[in-house]
Amino acid sequence: MSDYAHYFRSFYNVLDFLDGSKSVPFEQKKLYARTFRAQLSDIEIVSIFYNAIPVNQLGQSTVKRDMLQKYEFTSALVVGCLVHPIHNQVFREGRNIGGGDAKA
């Protein structure tokens, strides 16, 4: 995953910048986020989706998941591209994949 770390950092830095912009109304932020999301392929969205799911009990990715939900990035998720369809439910419920309470 280290080969893609720069990609994910850049992605979340853009979202952090957008989210932290105090002078931009939330509805405008959502419009910018939709425009940003439209630039991504299905595979990129799935990769970002999996990057945001905690893979252990530490739950280190909850901020990422919350940000994706806030700006509706998972609305463009093609469930058929997931490793297992139950992962979408795991994501929405905030559970972990492996080592947590999820049985995926």
N, C-alpha and C. Protein backbone atom coordinates (compact mmCIF):
# COMPACT_ATOMS: atom_id res chain seq x y z
N MET A 1 0.82 -1.20 0.00
CA MET A 1 0.00 0.00 0.00
C MET A 1 0.87 1.26 0.00
N SER A 2 2.13 1.16 0.37
CA SER A 2 2.98 2.34 0.42
C SER A 2 3.14 3.01 -0.94
N ASP A 3 2.98 2.25 -2.02
CA ASP A 3 3.07 2.83 -3.36
C ASP A 3 1.95 3.82 -3.61
N TYR A 4 0.84 3.66 -2.90
CA TYR A 4 -0.33 4.51 -3.11
C TYR A 4 -0.54 5.52 -1.99
N ALA A 5 0.34 5.52 -1.01
CA ALA A 5 0.18 6.42 0.14
C ALA A 5 0.11 7.89 -0.30
N HIS A 6 0.93 8.28 -1.26
CA HIS A 6 0.92 9.67 -1.73
C HIS A 6 -0.42 10.02 -2.37
N TYR A 7 -1.03 9.06 -3.05
CA TYR A 7 -2.33 9.27 -3.69
C TYR A 7 -3.39 9.55 -2.63
N PHE A 8 -3.44 8.69 -1.60
CA PHE A 8 -4.44 8.86 -0.55
C PHE A 8 -4.20 10.15 0.24
N ARG A 9 -2.93 10.46 0.52
CA ARG A 9 -2.63 11.71 1.23
C ARG A 9 -3.12 12.91 0.43
N SER A 10 -2.85 12.91 -0.85
CA SER A 10 -3.30 14.03 -1.70
C SER A 10 -4.82 14.13 -1.72
N PHE A 11 -5.47 12.99 -1.85
CA PHE A 11 -6.93 12.96 -1.87
C PHE A 11 -7.50 13.56 -0.59
N TYR A 12 -7.03 13.08 0.56
CA TYR A 12 -7.57 13.56 1.83
C TYR A 12 -7.15 14.99 2.13
N ASN A 13 -6.00 15.41 1.64
CA ASN A 13 -5.62 16.82 1.82
C ASN A 13 -6.57 17.75 1.07
N VAL A 14 -7.00 17.36 -0.12
CA VAL A 14 -7.98 18.16 -0.86
C VAL A 14 -9.28 18.24 -0.06
N LEU A 15 -9.75 17.09 0.46
CA LEU A 15 -10.99 17.10 1.25
C LEU A 15 -10.83 17.91 2.54
N ASP A 16 -9.68 17.78 3.19
CA ASP A 16 -9.44 18.56 4.41
C ASP A 16 -9.45 20.05 4.12
N PHE A 17 -8.82 20.44 3.01
CA PHE A 17 -8.80 21.85 2.62
C PHE A 17 -10.23 22.35 2.39
N LEU A 18 -11.00 21.58 1.65
CA LEU A 18 -12.39 21.94 1.38
C LEU A 18 -13.19 22.03 2.67
N ASP A 19 -13.06 21.03 3.51
CA ASP A 19 -13.82 20.98 4.75
C ASP A 19 -13.44 22.12 5.70
N GLY A 20 -12.18 22.51 5.69
CA GLY A 20 -11.70 23.54 6.59
C GLY A 20 -11.93 24.97 6.10
N SER A 21 -12.46 25.12 4.91
CA SER A 21 -12.69 26.45 4.35
C SER A 21 -13.91 27.08 5.04
N LYS A 22 -13.65 27.98 5.94
CA LYS A 22 -14.71 28.60 6.77
C LYS A 22 -15.62 29.52 5.97
N SER A 23 -15.11 30.14 4.92
CA SER A 23 -15.91 31.12 4.18
C SER A 23 -16.81 30.50 3.11
N VAL A 24 -16.70 29.18 2.93
CA VAL A 24 -17.50 28.50 1.90
C VAL A 24 -18.68 27.80 2.58
N PRO A 25 -19.92 28.11 2.15
CA PRO A 25 -21.09 27.43 2.73
C PRO A 25 -21.06 25.93 2.44
N PHE A 26 -21.67 25.14 3.33
CA PHE A 26 -21.63 23.69 3.20
C PHE A 26 -22.19 23.21 1.86
N GLU A 27 -23.28 23.80 1.39
CA GLU A 27 -23.84 23.37 0.11
C GLU A 27 -22.86 23.59 -1.04
N GLN A 28 -22.09 24.65 -0.98
CA GLN A 28 -21.07 24.91 -1.99
C GLN A 28 -19.94 23.88 -1.87
N LYS A 29 -19.59 23.54 -0.63
CA LYS A 29 -18.56 22.52 -0.42
C LYS A 29 -19.00 21.19 -1.04
N LYS A 30 -20.27 20.85 -0.86
CA LYS A 30 -20.79 19.60 -1.43
C LYS A 30 -20.71 19.63 -2.96
N LEU A 31 -20.98 20.79 -3.54
CA LEU A 31 -20.86 20.93 -5.00
C LEU A 31 -19.41 20.71 -5.44
N TYR A 32 -18.47 21.32 -4.73
CA TYR A 32 -17.05 21.12 -5.06
C TYR A 32 -16.65 19.66 -4.89
N ALA A 33 -17.15 19.02 -3.83
CA ALA A 33 -16.82 17.62 -3.58
C ALA A 33 -17.39 16.73 -4.69
N ARG A 34 -18.60 17.03 -5.16
CA ARG A 34 -19.18 16.25 -6.26
C ARG A 34 -18.34 16.41 -7.53
N THR A 35 -17.87 17.62 -7.78
CA THR A 35 -17.02 17.86 -8.95
C THR A 35 -15.72 17.08 -8.82
N PHE A 36 -15.15 17.09 -7.62
CA PHE A 36 -13.92 16.33 -7.34
C PHE A 36 -14.18 14.83 -7.54
N ARG A 37 -15.28 14.33 -7.00
CA ARG A 37 -15.64 12.91 -7.11
C ARG A 37 -15.83 12.50 -8.57
N ALA A 38 -16.39 13.38 -9.38
CA ALA A 38 -16.65 13.07 -10.79
C ALA A 38 -15.36 12.81 -11.57
N GLN A 39 -14.24 13.26 -11.05
CA GLN A 39 -12.95 13.07 -11.72
C GLN A 39 -12.38 11.67 -11.47
N LEU A 40 -12.97 10.93 -10.53
CA LEU A 40 -12.43 9.64 -10.12
C LEU A 40 -13.09 8.49 -10.87
N SER A 41 -12.30 7.48 -11.17
CA SER A 41 -12.84 6.27 -11.80
C SER A 41 -13.49 5.39 -10.73
N ASP A 42 -14.24 4.39 -11.16
CA ASP A 42 -14.86 3.45 -10.22
C ASP A 42 -13.80 2.77 -9.36
N ILE A 43 -12.70 2.38 -9.97
CA ILE A 43 -11.64 1.69 -9.23
C ILE A 43 -11.01 2.63 -8.21
N GLU A 44 -10.84 3.89 -8.55
CA GLU A 44 -10.29 4.85 -7.58
C GLU A 44 -11.24 5.01 -6.40
N ILE A 45 -12.52 5.09 -6.66
CA ILE A 45 -13.50 5.24 -5.58
C ILE A 45 -13.49 4.01 -4.68
N VAL A 46 -13.40 2.82 -5.28
CA VAL A 46 -13.32 1.59 -4.48
C VAL A 46 -12.04 1.57 -3.65
N SER A 47 -10.93 1.99 -4.22
CA SER A 47 -9.66 2.04 -3.49
C SER A 47 -9.74 3.00 -2.31
N ILE A 48 -10.33 4.15 -2.53
CA ILE A 48 -10.50 5.13 -1.45
C ILE A 48 -11.45 4.57 -0.39
N PHE A 49 -12.49 3.88 -0.82
CA PHE A 49 -13.44 3.24 0.09
C PHE A 49 -12.70 2.28 1.03
N TYR A 50 -11.89 1.39 0.46
CA TYR A 50 -11.18 0.41 1.30
C TYR A 50 -10.12 1.09 2.16
N ASN A 51 -9.52 2.14 1.68
CA ASN A 51 -8.54 2.86 2.48
C ASN A 51 -9.18 3.48 3.72
N ALA A 52 -10.47 3.75 3.66
CA ALA A 52 -11.16 4.42 4.77
C ALA A 52 -11.77 3.46 5.78
N ILE A 53 -11.70 2.15 5.52
CA ILE A 53 -12.25 1.18 6.46
C ILE A 53 -11.16 0.73 7.41
N PRO A 54 -11.40 0.85 8.71
CA PRO A 54 -10.40 0.35 9.67
C PRO A 54 -10.20 -1.15 9.48
N VAL A 55 -8.95 -1.58 9.50
CA VAL A 55 -8.67 -3.00 9.33
C VAL A 55 -8.27 -3.66 10.64
N ASN A 56 -8.35 -2.91 11.72
CA ASN A 56 -8.04 -3.49 13.02
C ASN A 56 -8.82 -2.76 14.10
N GLN A 57 -8.61 -3.12 15.33
CA GLN A 57 -9.36 -2.56 16.46
C GLN A 57 -8.99 -1.11 16.74
N LEU A 58 -7.92 -0.62 16.17
CA LEU A 58 -7.49 0.75 16.45
C LEU A 58 -8.44 1.79 15.85
N GLY A 59 -9.16 1.43 14.81
CA GLY A 59 -10.12 2.33 14.20
C GLY A 59 -9.50 3.60 13.67
N GLN A 60 -8.29 3.51 13.12
CA GLN A 60 -7.56 4.69 12.69
C GLN A 60 -8.20 5.42 11.51
N SER A 61 -9.10 4.79 10.81
CA SER A 61 -9.64 5.41 9.61
C SER A 61 -11.01 6.04 9.80
N THR A 62 -11.48 6.20 11.02
CA THR A 62 -12.83 6.72 11.22
C THR A 62 -12.97 8.14 10.70
N VAL A 63 -11.93 8.95 10.79
CA VAL A 63 -11.99 10.31 10.27
C VAL A 63 -12.15 10.27 8.75
N LYS A 64 -11.42 9.38 8.10
CA LYS A 64 -11.54 9.24 6.65
C LYS A 64 -12.95 8.81 6.27
N ARG A 65 -13.47 7.82 6.96
CA ARG A 65 -14.82 7.33 6.66
C ARG A 65 -15.84 8.44 6.85
N ASP A 66 -15.73 9.16 7.94
CA ASP A 66 -16.67 10.25 8.21
C ASP A 66 -16.62 11.31 7.13
N MET A 67 -15.43 11.62 6.65
CA MET A 67 -15.27 12.62 5.60
C MET A 67 -15.90 12.14 4.29
N LEU A 68 -15.70 10.86 3.97
CA LEU A 68 -16.30 10.31 2.75
C LEU A 68 -17.82 10.32 2.83
N GLN A 69 -18.35 10.02 4.00
CA GLN A 69 -19.80 10.04 4.18
C GLN A 69 -20.34 11.47 4.14
N LYS A 70 -19.64 12.38 4.78
CA LYS A 70 -20.08 13.78 4.83
C LYS A 70 -20.23 14.36 3.43
N TYR A 71 -19.29 14.06 2.55
CA TYR A 71 -19.31 14.60 1.20
C TYR A 71 -19.82 13.59 0.17
N GLU A 72 -20.46 12.54 0.64
CA GLU A 72 -21.19 11.57 -0.18
C GLU A 72 -20.35 10.90 -1.26
N PHE A 73 -19.10 10.61 -0.94
CA PHE A 73 -18.24 9.93 -1.92
C PHE A 73 -18.70 8.50 -2.17
N THR A 74 -19.33 7.88 -1.19
CA THR A 74 -19.76 6.50 -1.38
C THR A 74 -21.04 6.41 -2.21
N SER A 75 -21.67 7.54 -2.50
CA SER A 75 -22.87 7.49 -3.35
C SER A 75 -22.53 7.06 -4.77
N ALA A 76 -21.27 7.23 -5.16
CA ALA A 76 -20.83 6.84 -6.50
C ALA A 76 -20.18 5.45 -6.50
N LEU A 77 -20.21 4.78 -5.36
CA LEU A 77 -19.57 3.48 -5.23
C LEU A 77 -20.34 2.41 -6.02
N VAL A 78 -19.62 1.67 -6.83
CA VAL A 78 -20.21 0.56 -7.57
C VAL A 78 -20.00 -0.69 -6.71
N VAL A 79 -21.07 -1.13 -6.06
CA VAL A 79 -20.98 -2.24 -5.11
C VAL A 79 -20.43 -3.50 -5.79
N GLY A 80 -20.71 -3.67 -7.06
CA GLY A 80 -20.19 -4.83 -7.79
C GLY A 80 -18.67 -4.86 -7.88
N CYS A 81 -18.02 -3.73 -7.64
CA CYS A 81 -16.55 -3.68 -7.68
C CYS A 81 -15.91 -4.06 -6.34
N LEU A 82 -16.72 -4.20 -5.30
CA LEU A 82 -16.17 -4.53 -3.98
C LEU A 82 -15.73 -5.98 -3.93
N VAL A 83 -14.79 -6.29 -3.04
CA VAL A 83 -14.34 -7.65 -2.85
C VAL A 83 -15.50 -8.52 -2.39
N HIS A 84 -16.32 -7.98 -1.49
CA HIS A 84 -17.51 -8.67 -1.00
C HIS A 84 -18.59 -7.62 -0.76
N PRO A 85 -19.82 -7.85 -1.22
CA PRO A 85 -20.88 -6.85 -1.08
C PRO A 85 -21.17 -6.42 0.36
N ILE A 86 -20.89 -7.28 1.33
CA ILE A 86 -21.16 -6.93 2.72
C ILE A 86 -20.25 -5.79 3.20
N HIS A 87 -19.15 -5.54 2.52
CA HIS A 87 -18.23 -4.48 2.93
C HIS A 87 -18.90 -3.10 2.90
N ASN A 88 -19.86 -2.91 2.01
CA ASN A 88 -20.59 -1.64 1.96
C ASN A 88 -21.36 -1.42 3.27
N GLN A 89 -21.99 -2.47 3.76
CA GLN A 89 -22.72 -2.40 5.04
C GLN A 89 -21.74 -2.18 6.20
N VAL A 90 -20.62 -2.86 6.17
CA VAL A 90 -19.59 -2.71 7.20
C VAL A 90 -19.14 -1.25 7.27
N PHE A 91 -18.93 -0.66 6.10
CA PHE A 91 -18.49 0.74 6.02
C PHE A 91 -19.53 1.67 6.63
N ARG A 92 -20.79 1.50 6.23
CA ARG A 92 -21.85 2.38 6.69
C ARG A 92 -22.09 2.27 8.19
N GLU A 93 -21.85 1.10 8.75
CA GLU A 93 -22.05 0.89 10.18
C GLU A 93 -20.81 1.25 10.99
N GLY A 94 -19.71 1.57 10.32
CA GLY A 94 -18.50 1.97 11.03
C GLY A 94 -17.78 0.81 11.69
N ARG A 95 -18.00 -0.39 11.17
CA ARG A 95 -17.32 -1.55 11.75
C ARG A 95 -15.97 -1.76 11.08
N ASN A 96 -15.22 -2.71 11.61
CA ASN A 96 -13.89 -3.03 11.10
C ASN A 96 -13.94 -4.25 10.21
N ILE A 97 -12.98 -4.35 9.31
CA ILE A 97 -12.79 -5.55 8.51
C ILE A 97 -11.57 -6.26 9.10
N GLY A 98 -11.76 -7.45 9.58
CA GLY A 98 -10.66 -8.23 10.16
C GLY A 98 -10.23 -7.70 11.50
N GLY A 99 -10.22 -8.52 12.49
CA GLY A 99 -9.74 -8.13 13.82
C GLY A 99 -10.76 -7.33 14.60
N GLY A 100 -11.92 -7.05 14.01
CA GLY A 100 -12.94 -6.28 14.71
C GLY A 100 -14.20 -7.10 14.84
N ASP A 101 -15.31 -6.42 14.90
CA ASP A 101 -16.58 -7.12 15.07
C ASP A 101 -17.22 -7.50 13.74
N ALA A 102 -16.61 -7.13 12.63
CA ALA A 102 -17.19 -7.45 11.32
C ALA A 102 -16.85 -8.88 10.94
N LYS A 103 -17.78 -9.53 10.29
CA LYS A 103 -17.56 -10.88 9.83
C LYS A 103 -17.61 -10.90 8.31
N ALA A 104 -16.69 -10.15 7.71
CA ALA A 104 -16.70 -10.02 6.25
C ALA A 104 -15.57 -10.80 5.66
